[in-house]
């Protein structure tokens, strides 16, 4: 997900511990679900990926 958007929407905090690169941040879907339940808001501005793909992306960032 776009890191700035995730922060602006309040899904994650600005000083989050999640892996990021070039404006993209990877975090568990659970965070998005909790945000949706707590705020009643929804967003389609994210792409779900498998754990395997997330790990490959993070590896490529290092």
PDB file of N, CA and C in Angstrom:
ATOM      1  N   UNK A   1       0.855  -1.169   0.000  1.00  0.00           N
ATOM      2  CA  UNK A   1       0.000   0.000   0.000  1.00  0.00           C
ATOM      3  C   UNK A   1       0.901   1.232   0.000  1.00  0.00           C
ATOM      4  N   UNK A   2       0.405   2.295  -0.531  1.00  0.00           N
ATOM      5  CA  UNK A   2       1.131   3.558  -0.491  1.00  0.00           C
ATOM      6  C   UNK A   2       1.284   3.973   0.973  1.00  0.00           C
ATOM      7  N   UNK A   3       2.520   4.189   1.382  1.00  0.00           N
ATOM      8  CA  UNK A   3       2.805   4.496   2.781  1.00  0.00           C
ATOM      9  C   UNK A   3       2.140   5.789   3.238  1.00  0.00           C
ATOM     10  N   UNK A   4       2.230   6.841   2.444  1.00  0.00           N
ATOM     11  CA  UNK A   4       1.646   8.134   2.828  1.00  0.00           C
ATOM     12  C   UNK A   4       0.133   8.007   3.005  1.00  0.00           C
ATOM     13  N   UNK A   5      -0.516   7.295   2.092  1.00  0.00           N
ATOM     14  CA  UNK A   5      -1.961   7.110   2.192  1.00  0.00           C
ATOM     15  C   UNK A   5      -2.324   6.328   3.456  1.00  0.00           C
ATOM     16  N   UNK A   6      -1.577   5.266   3.738  1.00  0.00           N
ATOM     17  CA  UNK A   6      -1.845   4.461   4.932  1.00  0.00           C
ATOM     18  C   UNK A   6      -1.709   5.301   6.202  1.00  0.00           C
ATOM     19  N   UNK A   7      -0.716   6.164   6.229  1.00  0.00           N
ATOM     20  CA  UNK A   7      -0.523   7.050   7.380  1.00  0.00           C
ATOM     21  C   UNK A   7      -1.641   8.095   7.426  1.00  0.00           C
ATOM     22  N   UNK A   8      -1.943   8.724   6.294  1.00  0.00           N
ATOM     23  CA  UNK A   8      -2.982   9.756   6.242  1.00  0.00           C
ATOM     24  C   UNK A   8      -4.351   9.206   6.663  1.00  0.00           C
ATOM     25  N   UNK A   9      -4.641   7.961   6.286  1.00  0.00           N
ATOM     26  CA  UNK A   9      -5.921   7.353   6.652  1.00  0.00           C
ATOM     27  C   UNK A   9      -5.944   6.894   8.107  1.00  0.00           C
ATOM     28  N   UNK A  10      -4.773   6.793   8.724  1.00  0.00           N
ATOM     29  CA  UNK A  10      -4.702   6.352  10.115  1.00  0.00           C
ATOM     30  C   UNK A  10      -4.605   4.841  10.257  1.00  0.00           C
ATOM     31  N   UNK A  11      -4.290   4.145   9.176  1.00  0.00           N
ATOM     32  CA  UNK A  11      -4.144   2.694   9.243  1.00  0.00           C
ATOM     33  C   UNK A  11      -2.867   2.343   9.998  1.00  0.00           C
ATOM     34  N   UNK A  12      -1.806   3.092   9.740  1.00  0.00           N
ATOM     35  CA  UNK A  12      -0.536   2.931  10.447  1.00  0.00           C
ATOM     36  C   UNK A  12      -0.067   4.308  10.906  1.00  0.00           C
ATOM     37  N   UNK A  13       0.831   4.315  11.874  1.00  0.00           N
ATOM     38  CA  UNK A  13       1.368   5.587  12.352  1.00  0.00           C
ATOM     39  C   UNK A  13       2.578   5.993  11.510  1.00  0.00           C
ATOM     40  N   UNK A  14       2.936   7.242  11.592  1.00  0.00           N
ATOM     41  CA  UNK A  14       4.068   7.751  10.811  1.00  0.00           C
ATOM     42  C   UNK A  14       5.375   7.042  11.158  1.00  0.00           C
ATOM     43  N   UNK A  15       5.561   6.696  12.402  1.00  0.00           N
ATOM     44  CA  UNK A  15       6.795   6.019  12.817  1.00  0.00           C
ATOM     45  C   UNK A  15       6.569   4.509  12.980  1.00  0.00           C
ATOM     46  N   UNK A  16       5.887   3.924  12.017  1.00  0.00           N
ATOM     47  CA  UNK A  16       5.540   2.503  12.038  1.00  0.00           C
ATOM     48  C   UNK A  16       6.773   1.606  11.898  1.00  0.00           C
ATOM     49  N   UNK A  17       6.647   0.341  12.344  1.00  0.00           N
ATOM     50  CA  UNK A  17       7.772  -0.602  12.257  1.00  0.00           C
ATOM     51  C   UNK A  17       7.753  -1.484  11.005  1.00  0.00           C
ATOM     52  N   UNK A  18       6.867  -1.206  10.062  1.00  0.00           N
ATOM     53  CA  UNK A  18       6.673  -2.096   8.922  1.00  0.00           C
ATOM     54  C   UNK A  18       7.685  -1.832   7.808  1.00  0.00           C
ATOM     55  N   UNK A  19       7.964  -2.880   7.032  1.00  0.00           N
ATOM     56  CA  UNK A  19       8.920  -2.784   5.937  1.00  0.00           C
ATOM     57  C   UNK A  19       8.388  -1.857   4.860  1.00  0.00           C
ATOM     58  N   UNK A  20       9.279  -0.987   4.342  1.00  0.00           N
ATOM     59  CA  UNK A  20       8.869  -0.012   3.335  1.00  0.00           C
ATOM     60  C   UNK A  20       9.999   0.215   2.339  1.00  0.00           C
ATOM     61  N   UNK A  21       9.607   0.692   1.148  1.00  0.00           N
ATOM     62  CA  UNK A  21      10.578   1.007   0.108  1.00  0.00           C
ATOM     63  C   UNK A  21       9.888   1.853  -0.955  1.00  0.00           C
ATOM     64  N   UNK A  22      10.500   2.944  -1.342  1.00  0.00           N
ATOM     65  CA  UNK A  22       9.987   3.804  -2.419  1.00  0.00           C
ATOM     66  C   UNK A  22       8.500   4.128  -2.284  1.00  0.00           C
ATOM     67  N   UNK A  23       8.069   4.470  -1.084  1.00  0.00           N
ATOM     68  CA  UNK A  23       6.686   4.888  -0.882  1.00  0.00           C
ATOM     69  C   UNK A  23       5.689   3.760  -0.714  1.00  0.00           C
ATOM     70  N   UNK A  24       6.159   2.520  -0.741  1.00  0.00           N
ATOM     71  CA  UNK A  24       5.286   1.362  -0.551  1.00  0.00           C
ATOM     72  C   UNK A  24       5.593   0.740   0.799  1.00  0.00           C
ATOM     73  N   UNK A  25       4.550   0.334   1.509  1.00  0.00           N
ATOM     74  CA  UNK A  25       4.719  -0.307   2.808  1.00  0.00           C
ATOM     75  C   UNK A  25       3.965  -1.643   2.784  1.00  0.00           C
ATOM     76  N   UNK A  26       4.551  -2.628   3.447  1.00  0.00           N
ATOM     77  CA  UNK A  26       3.914  -3.945   3.541  1.00  0.00           C
ATOM     78  C   UNK A  26       3.548  -4.195   4.996  1.00  0.00           C
ATOM     79  N   UNK A  27       2.274  -4.532   5.220  1.00  0.00           N
ATOM     80  CA  UNK A  27       1.818  -4.890   6.560  1.00  0.00           C
ATOM     81  C   UNK A  27       0.729  -5.944   6.433  1.00  0.00           C
ATOM     82  N   UNK A  28       0.414  -6.594   7.541  1.00  0.00           N
ATOM     83  CA  UNK A  28      -0.580  -7.664   7.531  1.00  0.00           C
ATOM     84  C   UNK A  28      -1.980  -7.101   7.296  1.00  0.00           C
ATOM     85  N   UNK A  29      -2.770  -7.882   6.621  1.00  0.00           N
ATOM     86  CA  UNK A  29      -4.159  -7.521   6.305  1.00  0.00           C
ATOM     87  C   UNK A  29      -4.954  -7.233   7.582  1.00  0.00           C
ATOM     88  N   UNK A  30      -4.550  -7.856   8.685  1.00  0.00           N
ATOM     89  CA  UNK A  30      -5.245  -7.658   9.962  1.00  0.00           C
ATOM     90  C   UNK A  30      -5.327  -6.181  10.346  1.00  0.00           C
ATOM     91  N   UNK A  31      -4.270  -5.423  10.060  1.00  0.00           N
ATOM     92  CA  UNK A  31      -4.272  -3.994  10.398  1.00  0.00           C
ATOM     93  C   UNK A  31      -5.360  -3.256   9.635  1.00  0.00           C
ATOM     94  N   UNK A  32      -5.521  -3.607   8.374  1.00  0.00           N
ATOM     95  CA  UNK A  32      -6.547  -2.976   7.556  1.00  0.00           C
ATOM     96  C   UNK A  32      -7.943  -3.355   8.055  1.00  0.00           C
ATOM     97  N   UNK A  33      -8.124  -4.611   8.420  1.00  0.00           N
ATOM     98  CA  UNK A  33      -9.405  -5.079   8.944  1.00  0.00           C
ATOM     99  C   UNK A  33      -9.769  -4.359  10.236  1.00  0.00           C
ATOM    100  N   UNK A  34      -8.816  -4.231  11.147  1.00  0.00           N
ATOM    101  CA  UNK A  34      -9.062  -3.532  12.412  1.00  0.00           C
ATOM    102  C   UNK A  34      -9.404  -2.074  12.151  1.00  0.00           C
ATOM    103  N   UNK A  35      -8.665  -1.425  11.239  1.00  0.00           N
ATOM    104  CA  UNK A  35      -8.943  -0.026  10.891  1.00  0.00           C
ATOM    105  C   UNK A  35     -10.362   0.108  10.346  1.00  0.00           C
ATOM    106  N   UNK A  36     -10.763  -0.805   9.464  1.00  0.00           N
ATOM    107  CA  UNK A  36     -12.112  -0.751   8.881  1.00  0.00           C
ATOM    108  C   UNK A  36     -13.176  -0.926   9.955  1.00  0.00           C
ATOM    109  N   UNK A  37     -12.958  -1.859  10.869  1.00  0.00           N
ATOM    110  CA  UNK A  37     -13.927  -2.095  11.940  1.00  0.00           C
ATOM    111  C   UNK A  37     -14.015  -0.911  12.900  1.00  0.00           C
ATOM    112  N   UNK A  38     -12.884  -0.308  13.202  1.00  0.00           N
ATOM    113  CA  UNK A  38     -12.864   0.815  14.155  1.00  0.00           C
ATOM    114  C   UNK A  38     -13.398   2.108  13.578  1.00  0.00           C
ATOM    115  N   UNK A  39     -13.194   2.336  12.280  1.00  0.00           N
ATOM    116  CA  UNK A  39     -13.586   3.612  11.684  1.00  0.00           C
ATOM    117  C   UNK A  39     -14.856   3.526  10.846  1.00  0.00           C
ATOM    118  N   UNK A  40     -15.212   2.332  10.411  1.00  0.00           N
ATOM    119  CA  UNK A  40     -16.353   2.176   9.505  1.00  0.00           C
ATOM    120  C   UNK A  40     -16.011   2.593   8.087  1.00  0.00           C
ATOM    121  N   UNK A  41     -14.751   2.920   7.848  1.00  0.00           N
ATOM    122  CA  UNK A  41     -14.307   3.348   6.523  1.00  0.00           C
ATOM    123  C   UNK A  41     -13.782   2.150   5.740  1.00  0.00           C
ATOM    124  N   UNK A  42     -13.701   2.332   4.425  1.00  0.00           N
ATOM    125  CA  UNK A  42     -13.122   1.317   3.560  1.00  0.00           C
ATOM    126  C   UNK A  42     -12.227   1.996   2.537  1.00  0.00           C
ATOM    127  N   UNK A  43     -11.256   1.255   2.040  1.00  0.00           N
ATOM    128  CA  UNK A  43     -10.402   1.747   0.974  1.00  0.00           C
ATOM    129  C   UNK A  43     -10.112   0.607   0.020  1.00  0.00           C
ATOM    130  N   UNK A  44      -9.928   0.954  -1.221  1.00  0.00           N
ATOM    131  CA  UNK A  44      -9.535  -0.038  -2.226  1.00  0.00           C
ATOM    132  C   UNK A  44      -8.142   0.286  -2.742  1.00  0.00           C
ATOM    133  N   UNK A  45      -7.456   1.160  -2.043  1.00  0.00           N
ATOM    134  CA  UNK A  45      -6.142   1.638  -2.471  1.00  0.00           C
ATOM    135  C   UNK A  45      -5.008   0.759  -1.946  1.00  0.00           C
ATOM    136  N   UNK A  46      -5.186  -0.530  -2.060  1.00  0.00           N
ATOM    137  CA  UNK A  46      -4.149  -1.468  -1.623  1.00  0.00           C
ATOM    138  C   UNK A  46      -4.186  -2.694  -2.520  1.00  0.00           C
ATOM    139  N   UNK A  47      -3.134  -3.467  -2.460  1.00  0.00           N
ATOM    140  CA  UNK A  47      -3.068  -4.705  -3.229  1.00  0.00           C
ATOM    141  C   UNK A  47      -2.712  -5.822  -2.265  1.00  0.00           C
ATOM    142  N   UNK A  48      -3.559  -6.840  -2.195  1.00  0.00           N
ATOM    143  CA  UNK A  48      -3.251  -7.989  -1.351  1.00  0.00           C
ATOM    144  C   UNK A  48      -2.258  -8.880  -2.073  1.00  0.00           C
ATOM    145  N   UNK A  49      -1.257  -9.325  -1.328  1.00  0.00           N
ATOM    146  CA  UNK A  49      -0.265 -10.243  -1.889  1.00  0.00           C
ATOM    147  C   UNK A  49      -0.069 -11.401  -0.914  1.00  0.00           C
ATOM    148  N   UNK A  50       0.446 -12.499  -1.421  1.00  0.00           N
ATOM    149  CA  UNK A  50       0.691 -13.660  -0.571  1.00  0.00           C
ATOM    150  C   UNK A  50       1.887 -13.396   0.334  1.00  0.00           C
ATOM    151  N   UNK A  51       1.991 -14.179   1.377  1.00  0.00           N
ATOM    152  CA  UNK A  51       3.136 -14.067   2.270  1.00  0.00           C
ATOM    153  C   UNK A  51       4.430 -14.319   1.512  1.00  0.00           C
ATOM    154  N   UNK A  52       4.419 -15.320   0.647  1.00  0.00           N
ATOM    155  CA  UNK A  52       5.622 -15.645  -0.130  1.00  0.00           C
ATOM    156  C   UNK A  52       6.060 -14.460  -0.980  1.00  0.00           C
ATOM    157  N   UNK A  53       5.116 -13.802  -1.652  1.00  0.00           N
ATOM    158  CA  UNK A  53       5.445 -12.645  -2.484  1.00  0.00           C
ATOM    159  C   UNK A  53       5.924 -11.475  -1.623  1.00  0.00           C
ATOM    160  N   UNK A  54       5.302 -11.281  -0.469  1.00  0.00           N
ATOM    161  CA  UNK A  54       5.725 -10.204   0.435  1.00  0.00           C
ATOM    162  C   UNK A  54       7.169 -10.433   0.876  1.00  0.00           C
ATOM    163  N   UNK A  55       7.498 -11.667   1.207  1.00  0.00           N
ATOM    164  CA  UNK A  55       8.867 -11.965   1.629  1.00  0.00           C
ATOM    165  C   UNK A  55       9.865 -11.754   0.497  1.00  0.00           C
ATOM    166  N   UNK A  56       9.482 -12.102  -0.720  1.00  0.00           N
ATOM    167  CA  UNK A  56      10.354 -11.876  -1.880  1.00  0.00           C
ATOM    168  C   UNK A  56      10.581 -10.388  -2.100  1.00  0.00           C
ATOM    169  N   UNK A  57       9.507  -9.595  -1.996  1.00  0.00           N
ATOM    170  CA  UNK A  57       9.626  -8.152  -2.165  1.00  0.00           C
ATOM    171  C   UNK A  57      10.549  -7.557  -1.105  1.00  0.00           C
ATOM    172  N   UNK A  58      10.342  -7.950   0.137  1.00  0.00           N
ATOM    173  CA  UNK A  58      11.164  -7.431   1.230  1.00  0.00           C
ATOM    174  C   UNK A  58      12.621  -7.820   1.020  1.00  0.00           C
ATOM    175  N   UNK A  59      12.864  -9.047   0.586  1.00  0.00           N
ATOM    176  CA  UNK A  59      14.223  -9.494   0.289  1.00  0.00           C
ATOM    177  C   UNK A  59      14.862  -8.643  -0.793  1.00  0.00           C
ATOM    178  N   UNK A  60      14.085  -8.300  -1.809  1.00  0.00           N
ATOM    179  CA  UNK A  60      14.627  -7.495  -2.903  1.00  0.00           C
ATOM    180  C   UNK A  60      14.932  -6.062  -2.470  1.00  0.00           C
ATOM    181  N   UNK A  61      14.305  -5.598  -1.395  1.00  0.00           N
ATOM    182  CA  UNK A  61      14.540  -4.251  -0.887  1.00  0.00           C
ATOM    183  C   UNK A  61      15.831  -4.166  -0.088  1.00  0.00           C
ATOM    184  N   UNK A  62      16.323  -5.290   0.391  1.00  0.00           N
ATOM    185  CA  UNK A  62      17.525  -5.302   1.244  1.00  0.00           C
ATOM    186  C   UNK A  62      18.786  -5.353   0.450  1.00  0.00           C
TER     187      UNK A  62
END
